[in-house]
Structure formats: C-alpha cells, structure tokens
Amino acid sequence: MKKYQQLAEQLREQIASGIWQPGDRLPSLRDQVALSGMSFMTVSHAYQLLESQGYIIARPQSGYYVAPTGNKNAESASHSSHTR
C-alpha cells in the first residue's frame, strides 16, 4: 500500500470511529505534513482520494472538512438497508 493510501485509510478509520465528526475541519495540508512526517504531495494526494470517495469536502480558502454524511457509499448502503 502506498503512503498516501495509508494516510487516507488512517483518516477514514478516524472518521468512522468518530474522532472526526461531520463538519469538523481537518488539519491543513501543511499541518498534516508536520503531523505525519509525509511529503506535501503525499498528504495532498491522500486528501484528494478521500474527497473523491466522499469522506471529506474541500472549501476553497478554508480547508478540508469531514463530509456531512461521512461517506456517500455508506449513505447509499444505509438507505438500501431501509428499503424493502
């Protein structure tokens, strides 16, 4: 598994466990670089992956936030389980 995938997985687990709640602002890319010790490009790639998967949203000039539903796929699965 590549480093950006490892970071994305770590953040996904933190979101799933409730460490990061919907609407919470994630550390900036620079702060995450300092926290993780990974390169700026690696952190940026991890955030882009999480955004493409619906876990986080980017707000221009504001940062990255946990998506309101946590994950589009999880919402779809939940909705499907409630239908007949």
PDB file of N, CA and C in Angstrom:
ATOM      1  N   MET A   1       0.850  -1.176   0.000  1.00  0.00           N
ATOM      2  CA  MET A   1       0.000   0.000   0.000  1.00  0.00           C
ATOM      3  C   MET A   1       0.899   1.244   0.000  1.00  0.00           C
ATOM      4  N   LYS A   2       0.575   2.203  -0.847  1.00  0.00           N
ATOM      5  CA  LYS A   2       1.366   3.430  -0.946  1.00  0.00           C
ATOM      6  C   LYS A   2       1.102   4.330   0.256  1.00  0.00           C
ATOM      7  N   LYS A   3       2.036   5.243   0.507  1.00  0.00           N
ATOM      8  CA  LYS A   3       1.937   6.105   1.689  1.00  0.00           C
ATOM      9  C   LYS A   3       0.655   6.930   1.698  1.00  0.00           C
ATOM     10  N   TYR A   4       0.264   7.489   0.540  1.00  0.00           N
ATOM     11  CA  TYR A   4      -0.951   8.299   0.519  1.00  0.00           C
ATOM     12  C   TYR A   4      -2.177   7.440   0.824  1.00  0.00           C
ATOM     13  N   GLN A   5      -2.152   6.172   0.396  1.00  0.00           N
ATOM     14  CA  GLN A   5      -3.256   5.262   0.695  1.00  0.00           C
ATOM     15  C   GLN A   5      -3.289   4.927   2.183  1.00  0.00           C
ATOM     16  N   GLN A   6      -2.118   4.781   2.789  1.00  0.00           N
ATOM     17  CA  GLN A   6      -2.040   4.511   4.225  1.00  0.00           C
ATOM     18  C   GLN A   6      -2.613   5.683   5.020  1.00  0.00           C
ATOM     19  N   LEU A   7      -2.245   6.905   4.634  1.00  0.00           N
ATOM     20  CA  LEU A   7      -2.758   8.086   5.326  1.00  0.00           C
ATOM     21  C   LEU A   7      -4.264   8.208   5.129  1.00  0.00           C
ATOM     22  N   ALA A   8      -4.731   7.988   3.908  1.00  0.00           N
ATOM     23  CA  ALA A   8      -6.167   8.055   3.642  1.00  0.00           C
ATOM     24  C   ALA A   8      -6.916   7.018   4.475  1.00  0.00           C
ATOM     25  N   GLU A   9      -6.384   5.821   4.574  1.00  0.00           N
ATOM     26  CA  GLU A   9      -7.015   4.761   5.367  1.00  0.00           C
ATOM     27  C   GLU A   9      -7.048   5.153   6.845  1.00  0.00           C
ATOM     28  N   GLN A  10      -5.960   5.715   7.337  1.00  0.00           N
ATOM     29  CA  GLN A  10      -5.907   6.156   8.735  1.00  0.00           C
ATOM     30  C   GLN A  10      -6.981   7.218   9.008  1.00  0.00           C
ATOM     31  N   LEU A  11      -7.114   8.175   8.111  1.00  0.00           N
ATOM     32  CA  LEU A  11      -8.123   9.222   8.292  1.00  0.00           C
ATOM     33  C   LEU A  11      -9.538   8.659   8.159  1.00  0.00           C
ATOM     34  N   ARG A  12      -9.742   7.715   7.224  1.00  0.00           N
ATOM     35  CA  ARG A  12     -11.058   7.061   7.090  1.00  0.00           C
ATOM     36  C   ARG A  12     -11.440   6.370   8.388  1.00  0.00           C
ATOM     37  N   GLU A  13     -10.485   5.667   8.993  1.00  0.00           N
ATOM     38  CA  GLU A  13     -10.746   4.972  10.261  1.00  0.00           C
ATOM     39  C   GLU A  13     -11.079   5.967  11.368  1.00  0.00           C
ATOM     40  N   GLN A  14     -10.384   7.102  11.381  1.00  0.00           N
ATOM     41  CA  GLN A  14     -10.666   8.126  12.391  1.00  0.00           C
ATOM     42  C   GLN A  14     -12.058   8.720  12.200  1.00  0.00           C
ATOM     43  N   ILE A  15     -12.464   8.909  10.955  1.00  0.00           N
ATOM     44  CA  ILE A  15     -13.813   9.410  10.675  1.00  0.00           C
ATOM     45  C   ILE A  15     -14.843   8.369  11.101  1.00  0.00           C
ATOM     46  N   ALA A  16     -14.610   7.114  10.747  1.00  0.00           N
ATOM     47  CA  ALA A  16     -15.553   6.039  11.082  1.00  0.00           C
ATOM     48  C   ALA A  16     -15.687   5.852  12.587  1.00  0.00           C
ATOM     49  N   SER A  17     -14.594   6.052  13.322  1.00  0.00           N
ATOM     50  CA  SER A  17     -14.630   5.836  14.772  1.00  0.00           C
ATOM     51  C   SER A  17     -15.155   7.047  15.531  1.00  0.00           C
ATOM     52  N   GLY A  18     -15.391   8.145  14.828  1.00  0.00           N
ATOM     53  CA  GLY A  18     -15.948   9.326  15.484  1.00  0.00           C
ATOM     54  C   GLY A  18     -14.930  10.322  15.983  1.00  0.00           C
ATOM     55  N   ILE A  19     -13.647  10.072  15.740  1.00  0.00           N
ATOM     56  CA  ILE A  19     -12.628  11.048  16.131  1.00  0.00           C
ATOM     57  C   ILE A  19     -12.869  12.354  15.375  1.00  0.00           C
ATOM     58  N   TRP A  20     -13.177  12.238  14.094  1.00  0.00           N
ATOM     59  CA  TRP A  20     -13.553  13.382  13.267  1.00  0.00           C
ATOM     60  C   TRP A  20     -15.045  13.279  12.991  1.00  0.00           C
ATOM     61  N   GLN A  21     -15.800  14.289  13.375  1.00  0.00           N
ATOM     62  CA  GLN A  21     -17.250  14.315  13.185  1.00  0.00           C
ATOM     63  C   GLN A  21     -17.594  15.074  11.899  1.00  0.00           C
ATOM     64  N   PRO A  22     -18.772  14.799  11.309  1.00  0.00           N
ATOM     65  CA  PRO A  22     -19.199  15.576  10.142  1.00  0.00           C
ATOM     66  C   PRO A  22     -19.130  17.075  10.440  1.00  0.00           C
ATOM     67  N   GLY A  23     -18.522  17.799   9.517  1.00  0.00           N
ATOM     68  CA  GLY A  23     -18.363  19.239   9.678  1.00  0.00           C
ATOM     69  C   GLY A  23     -17.056  19.659  10.323  1.00  0.00           C
ATOM     70  N   ASP A  24     -16.335  18.716  10.940  1.00  0.00           N
ATOM     71  CA  ASP A  24     -15.047  19.045  11.554  1.00  0.00           C
ATOM     72  C   ASP A  24     -14.038  19.418  10.472  1.00  0.00           C
ATOM     73  N   ARG A  25     -13.212  20.412  10.771  1.00  0.00           N
ATOM     74  CA  ARG A  25     -12.144  20.808   9.861  1.00  0.00           C
ATOM     75  C   ARG A  25     -10.929  19.925  10.128  1.00  0.00           C
ATOM     76  N   LEU A  26     -10.421  19.315   9.067  1.00  0.00           N
ATOM     77  CA  LEU A  26      -9.207  18.506   9.181  1.00  0.00           C
ATOM     78  C   LEU A  26      -7.990  19.426   9.255  1.00  0.00           C
ATOM     79  N   PRO A  27      -6.868  18.906   9.732  1.00  0.00           N
ATOM     80  CA  PRO A  27      -5.653  19.725   9.722  1.00  0.00           C
ATOM     81  C   PRO A  27      -5.342  20.188   8.296  1.00  0.00           C
ATOM     82  N   SER A  28      -4.798  21.391   8.179  1.00  0.00           N
ATOM     83  CA  SER A  28      -4.395  21.881   6.863  1.00  0.00           C
ATOM     84  C   SER A  28      -3.363  20.924   6.272  1.00  0.00           C
ATOM     85  N   LEU A  29      -3.137  21.051   4.979  1.00  0.00           N
ATOM     86  CA  LEU A  29      -2.143  20.186   4.343  1.00  0.00           C
ATOM     87  C   LEU A  29      -0.786  20.355   5.024  1.00  0.00           C
ATOM     88  N   ARG A  30      -0.401  21.587   5.287  1.00  0.00           N
ATOM     89  CA  ARG A  30       0.898  21.832   5.934  1.00  0.00           C
ATOM     90  C   ARG A  30       0.939  21.242   7.338  1.00  0.00           C
ATOM     91  N   ASP A  31      -0.149  21.408   8.086  1.00  0.00           N
ATOM     92  CA  ASP A  31      -0.185  20.836   9.439  1.00  0.00           C
ATOM     93  C   ASP A  31      -0.122  19.315   9.387  1.00  0.00           C
ATOM     94  N   GLN A  32      -0.820  18.720   8.407  1.00  0.00           N
ATOM     95  CA  GLN A  32      -0.811  17.261   8.285  1.00  0.00           C
ATOM     96  C   GLN A  32       0.574  16.763   7.892  1.00  0.00           C
ATOM     97  N   VAL A  33       1.284  17.543   7.070  1.00  0.00           N
ATOM     98  CA  VAL A  33       2.668  17.197   6.728  1.00  0.00           C
ATOM     99  C   VAL A  33       3.502  17.133   8.003  1.00  0.00           C
ATOM    100  N   ALA A  34       3.347  18.138   8.866  1.00  0.00           N
ATOM    101  CA  ALA A  34       4.106  18.173  10.121  1.00  0.00           C
ATOM    102  C   ALA A  34       3.700  17.026  11.044  1.00  0.00           C
ATOM    103  N   LEU A  35       2.406  16.715  11.099  1.00  0.00           N
ATOM    104  CA  LEU A  35       1.918  15.641  11.971  1.00  0.00           C
ATOM    105  C   LEU A  35       2.366  14.262  11.498  1.00  0.00           C
ATOM    106  N   SER A  36       2.300  14.048  10.190  1.00  0.00           N
ATOM    107  CA  SER A  36       2.553  12.710   9.646  1.00  0.00           C
ATOM    108  C   SER A  36       4.006  12.475   9.258  1.00  0.00           C
ATOM    109  N   GLY A  37       4.740  13.548   9.000  1.00  0.00           N
ATOM    110  CA  GLY A  37       6.108  13.398   8.519  1.00  0.00           C
ATOM    111  C   GLY A  37       6.175  13.019   7.049  1.00  0.00           C
ATOM    112  N   MET A  38       5.034  13.062   6.373  1.00  0.00           N
ATOM    113  CA  MET A  38       4.983  12.726   4.948  1.00  0.00           C
ATOM    114  C   MET A  38       5.148  14.000   4.120  1.00  0.00           C
ATOM    115  N   SER A  39       5.419  13.827   2.836  1.00  0.00           N
ATOM    116  CA  SER A  39       5.610  14.976   1.956  1.00  0.00           C
ATOM    117  C   SER A  39       4.280  15.674   1.682  1.00  0.00           C
ATOM    118  N   PHE A  40       4.384  16.922   1.232  1.00  0.00           N
ATOM    119  CA  PHE A  40       3.195  17.700   0.895  1.00  0.00           C
ATOM    120  C   PHE A  40       2.381  16.993  -0.188  1.00  0.00           C
ATOM    121  N   MET A  41       3.053  16.467  -1.205  1.00  0.00           N
ATOM    122  CA  MET A  41       2.351  15.788  -2.305  1.00  0.00           C
ATOM    123  C   MET A  41       1.637  14.532  -1.816  1.00  0.00           C
ATOM    124  N   THR A  42       2.242  13.795  -0.909  1.00  0.00           N
ATOM    125  CA  THR A  42       1.621  12.586  -0.366  1.00  0.00           C
ATOM    126  C   THR A  42       0.350  12.942   0.396  1.00  0.00           C
ATOM    127  N   VAL A  43       0.431  13.957   1.246  1.00  0.00           N
ATOM    128  CA  VAL A  43      -0.737  14.387   2.020  1.00  0.00           C
ATOM    129  C   VAL A  43      -1.822  14.919   1.088  1.00  0.00           C
ATOM    130  N   SER A  44      -1.427  15.720   0.112  1.00  0.00           N
ATOM    131  CA  SER A  44      -2.383  16.264  -0.850  1.00  0.00           C
ATOM    132  C   SER A  44      -3.096  15.144  -1.603  1.00  0.00           C
ATOM    133  N   HIS A  45      -2.354  14.138  -2.018  1.00  0.00           N
ATOM    134  CA  HIS A  45      -2.934  13.002  -2.737  1.00  0.00           C
ATOM    135  C   HIS A  45      -3.920  12.240  -1.838  1.00  0.00           C
ATOM    136  N   ALA A  46      -3.578  12.064  -0.573  1.00  0.00           N
ATOM    137  CA  ALA A  46      -4.472  11.371   0.367  1.00  0.00           C
ATOM    138  C   ALA A  46      -5.775  12.153   0.541  1.00  0.00           C
ATOM    139  N   TYR A  47      -5.684  13.470   0.697  1.00  0.00           N
ATOM    140  CA  TYR A  47      -6.881  14.298   0.854  1.00  0.00           C
ATOM    141  C   TYR A  47      -7.734  14.243  -0.420  1.00  0.00           C
ATOM    142  N   GLN A  48      -7.085  14.291  -1.591  1.00  0.00           N
ATOM    143  CA  GLN A  48      -7.824  14.211  -2.852  1.00  0.00           C
ATOM    144  C   GLN A  48      -8.544  12.871  -2.980  1.00  0.00           C
ATOM    145  N   LEU A  49      -7.897  11.800  -2.544  1.00  0.00           N
ATOM    146  CA  LEU A  49      -8.520  10.480  -2.577  1.00  0.00           C
ATOM    147  C   LEU A  49      -9.754  10.454  -1.681  1.00  0.00           C
ATOM    148  N   LEU A  50      -9.619  10.955  -0.459  1.00  0.00           N
ATOM    149  CA  LEU A  50     -10.756  10.985   0.469  1.00  0.00           C
ATOM    150  C   LEU A  50     -11.884  11.857  -0.070  1.00  0.00           C
ATOM    151  N   GLU A  51     -11.525  12.951  -0.729  1.00  0.00           N
ATOM    152  CA  GLU A  51     -12.548  13.817  -1.316  1.00  0.00           C
ATOM    153  C   GLU A  51     -13.279  13.087  -2.443  1.00  0.00           C
ATOM    154  N   SER A  52     -12.547  12.375  -3.289  1.00  0.00           N
ATOM    155  CA  SER A  52     -13.171  11.654  -4.402  1.00  0.00           C
ATOM    156  C   SER A  52     -14.066  10.519  -3.913  1.00  0.00           C
ATOM    157  N   GLN A  53     -13.781  10.005  -2.715  1.00  0.00           N
ATOM    158  CA  GLN A  53     -14.584   8.925  -2.136  1.00  0.00           C
ATOM    159  C   GLN A  53     -15.751   9.451  -1.305  1.00  0.00           C
ATOM    160  N   GLY A  54     -15.841  10.774  -1.153  1.00  0.00           N
ATOM    161  CA  GLY A  54     -16.958  11.364  -0.433  1.00  0.00           C
ATOM    162  C   GLY A  54     -16.794  11.461   1.071  1.00  0.00           C
ATOM    163  N   TYR A  55     -15.606  11.199   1.580  1.00  0.00           N
ATOM    164  CA  TYR A  55     -15.380  11.281   3.027  1.00  0.00           C
ATOM    165  C   TYR A  55     -15.178  12.713   3.499  1.00  0.00           C
ATOM    166  N   ILE A  56     -14.538  13.528   2.659  1.00  0.00           N
ATOM    167  CA  ILE A  56     -14.272  14.913   3.029  1.00  0.00           C
ATOM    168  C   ILE A  56     -14.655  15.828   1.874  1.00  0.00           C
ATOM    169  N   ILE A  57     -14.811  17.108   2.199  1.00  0.00           N
ATOM    170  CA  ILE A  57     -15.079  18.105   1.169  1.00  0.00           C
ATOM    171  C   ILE A  57     -14.062  19.230   1.313  1.00  0.00           C
ATOM    172  N   ALA A  58     -13.699  19.819   0.181  1.00  0.00           N
ATOM    173  CA  ALA A  58     -12.771  20.949   0.178  1.00  0.00           C
ATOM    174  C   ALA A  58     -13.580  22.229   0.070  1.00  0.00           C
ATOM    175  N   ARG A  59     -13.254  23.187   0.916  1.00  0.00           N
ATOM    176  CA  ARG A  59     -13.862  24.513   0.839  1.00  0.00           C
ATOM    177  C   ARG A  59     -12.739  25.483   0.476  1.00  0.00           C
ATOM    178  N   PRO A  60     -12.837  26.098  -0.703  1.00  0.00           N
ATOM    179  CA  PRO A  60     -11.763  26.992  -1.150  1.00  0.00           C
ATOM    180  C   PRO A  60     -11.407  28.039  -0.096  1.00  0.00           C
ATOM    181  N   GLN A  61     -10.127  28.217   0.109  1.00  0.00           N
ATOM    182  CA  GLN A  61      -9.549  29.171   1.055  1.00  0.00           C
ATOM    183  C   GLN A  61     -10.018  28.953   2.487  1.00  0.00           C
ATOM    184  N   SER A  62     -10.520  27.760   2.774  1.00  0.00           N
ATOM    185  CA  SER A  62     -10.974  27.448   4.125  1.00  0.00           C
ATOM    186  C   SER A  62     -10.354  26.151   4.628  1.00  0.00           C
ATOM    187  N   GLY A  63     -10.298  25.137   3.777  1.00  0.00           N
ATOM    188  CA  GLY A  63      -9.699  23.875   4.181  1.00  0.00           C
ATOM    189  C   GLY A  63     -10.538  22.674   3.813  1.00  0.00           C
ATOM    190  N   TYR A  64     -10.203  21.560   4.428  1.00  0.00           N
ATOM    191  CA  TYR A  64     -10.905  20.298   4.197  1.00  0.00           C
ATOM    192  C   TYR A  64     -11.741  19.966   5.425  1.00  0.00           C
ATOM    193  N   TYR A  65     -12.971  19.518   5.176  1.00  0.00           N
ATOM    194  CA  TYR A  65     -13.917  19.210   6.241  1.00  0.00           C
ATOM    195  C   TYR A  65     -14.494  17.816   6.044  1.00  0.00           C
ATOM    196  N   VAL A  66     -14.839  17.168   7.152  1.00  0.00           N
ATOM    197  CA  VAL A  66     -15.499  15.870   7.068  1.00  0.00           C
ATOM    198  C   VAL A  66     -16.863  16.091   6.426  1.00  0.00           C
ATOM    199  N   ALA A  67     -17.181  15.281   5.440  1.00  0.00           N
ATOM    200  CA  ALA A  67     -18.449  15.413   4.724  1.00  0.00           C
ATOM    201  C   ALA A  67     -19.622  15.209   5.678  1.00  0.00           C
ATOM    202  N   PRO A  68     -20.725  15.912   5.440  1.00  0.00           N
ATOM    203  CA  PRO A  68     -21.886  15.808   6.335  1.00  0.00           C
ATOM    204  C   PRO A  68     -22.380  14.390   6.556  1.00  0.00           C
ATOM    205  N   THR A  69     -22.318  13.544   5.546  1.00  0.00           N
ATOM    206  CA  THR A  69     -22.791  12.174   5.702  1.00  0.00           C
ATOM    207  C   THR A  69     -21.656  11.209   5.996  1.00  0.00           C
ATOM    208  N   GLY A  70     -20.423  11.698   6.041  1.00  0.00           N
ATOM    209  CA  GLY A  70     -19.286  10.826   6.300  1.00  0.00           C
ATOM    210  C   GLY A  70     -18.794  10.141   5.049  1.00  0.00           C
ATOM    211  N   ASN A  71     -19.710   9.523   4.296  1.00  0.00           N
ATOM    212  CA  ASN A  71     -19.322   8.807   3.082  1.00  0.00           C
ATOM    213  C   ASN A  71     -20.560   8.560   2.243  1.00  0.00           C
ATOM    214  N   LYS A  72     -20.489   8.931   0.971  1.00  0.00           N
ATOM    215  CA  LYS A  72     -21.623   8.721   0.070  1.00  0.00           C
ATOM    216  C   LYS A  72     -21.976   7.243  -0.040  1.00  0.00           C
ATOM    217  N   ASN A  73     -20.969   6.383  -0.110  1.00  0.00           N
ATOM    218  CA  ASN A  73     -21.217   4.951  -0.229  1.00  0.00           C
ATOM    219  C   ASN A  73     -21.900   4.403   1.014  1.00  0.00           C
ATOM    220  N   ALA A  74     -21.504   4.879   2.182  1.00  0.00           N
ATOM    221  CA  ALA A  74     -22.126   4.430   3.432  1.00  0.00           C
ATOM    222  C   ALA A  74     -23.578   4.878   3.483  1.00  0.00           C
ATOM    223  N   GLU A  75     -23.841   6.099   2.993  1.00  0.00           N
ATOM    224  CA  GLU A  75     -25.212   6.601   2.979  1.00  0.00           C
ATOM    225  C   GLU A  75     -26.072   5.749   2.052  1.00  0.00           C
ATOM    226  N   SER A  76     -25.547   5.400   0.892  1.00  0.00           N
ATOM    227  CA  SER A  76     -26.293   4.569  -0.050  1.00  0.00           C
ATOM    228  C   SER A  76     -26.580   3.203   0.541  1.00  0.00           C
ATOM    229  N   ALA A  77     -25.602   2.612   1.203  1.00  0.00           N
ATOM    230  CA  ALA A  77     -25.788   1.295   1.814  1.00  0.00           C
ATOM    231  C   ALA A  77     -26.830   1.373   2.918  1.00  0.00           C
ATOM    232  N   SER A  78     -26.795   2.434   3.700  1.00  0.00           N
ATOM    233  CA  SER A  78     -27.758   2.607   4.784  1.00  0.00           C
ATOM    234  C   SER A  78     -29.159   2.779   4.220  1.00  0.00           C
ATOM    235  N   HIS A  79     -29.280   3.579   3.171  1.00  0.00           N
ATOM    236  CA  HIS A  79     -30.585   3.809   2.557  1.00  0.00           C
ATOM    237  C   HIS A  79     -31.132   2.519   1.973  1.00  0.00           C
ATOM    238  N   SER A  80     -30.278   1.729   1.337  1.00  0.00           N
ATOM    239  CA  SER A  80     -30.709   0.465   0.742  1.00  0.00           C
ATOM    240  C   SER A  80     -31.201  -0.512   1.797  1.00  0.00           C
ATOM    241  N   SER A  81     -30.593  -0.498   2.971  1.00  0.00           N
ATOM    242  CA  SER A  81     -30.989  -1.447   4.007  1.00  0.00           C
ATOM    243  C   SER A  81     -32.343  -1.096   4.614  1.00  0.00           C
ATOM    244  N   HIS A  82     -32.792   0.166   4.418  1.00  0.00           N
ATOM    245  CA  HIS A  82     -34.070   0.581   4.979  1.00  0.00           C
ATOM    246  C   HIS A  82     -35.223   0.449   3.989  1.00  0.00           C
ATOM    247  N   THR A  83     -34.915   0.088   2.750  1.00  0.00           N
ATOM    248  CA  THR A  83     -35.968  -0.094   1.754  1.00  0.00           C
ATOM    249  C   THR A  83     -36.333  -1.561   1.665  1.00  0.00           C
ATOM    250  N   ARG A  84     -37.529  -1.822   1.195  1.00  0.00           N
ATOM    251  CA  ARG A  84     -37.976  -3.222   1.119  1.00  0.00           C
ATOM    252  C   ARG A  84     -37.408  -3.947  -0.050  1.00  0.00           C
TER     253      ARG A  84
END
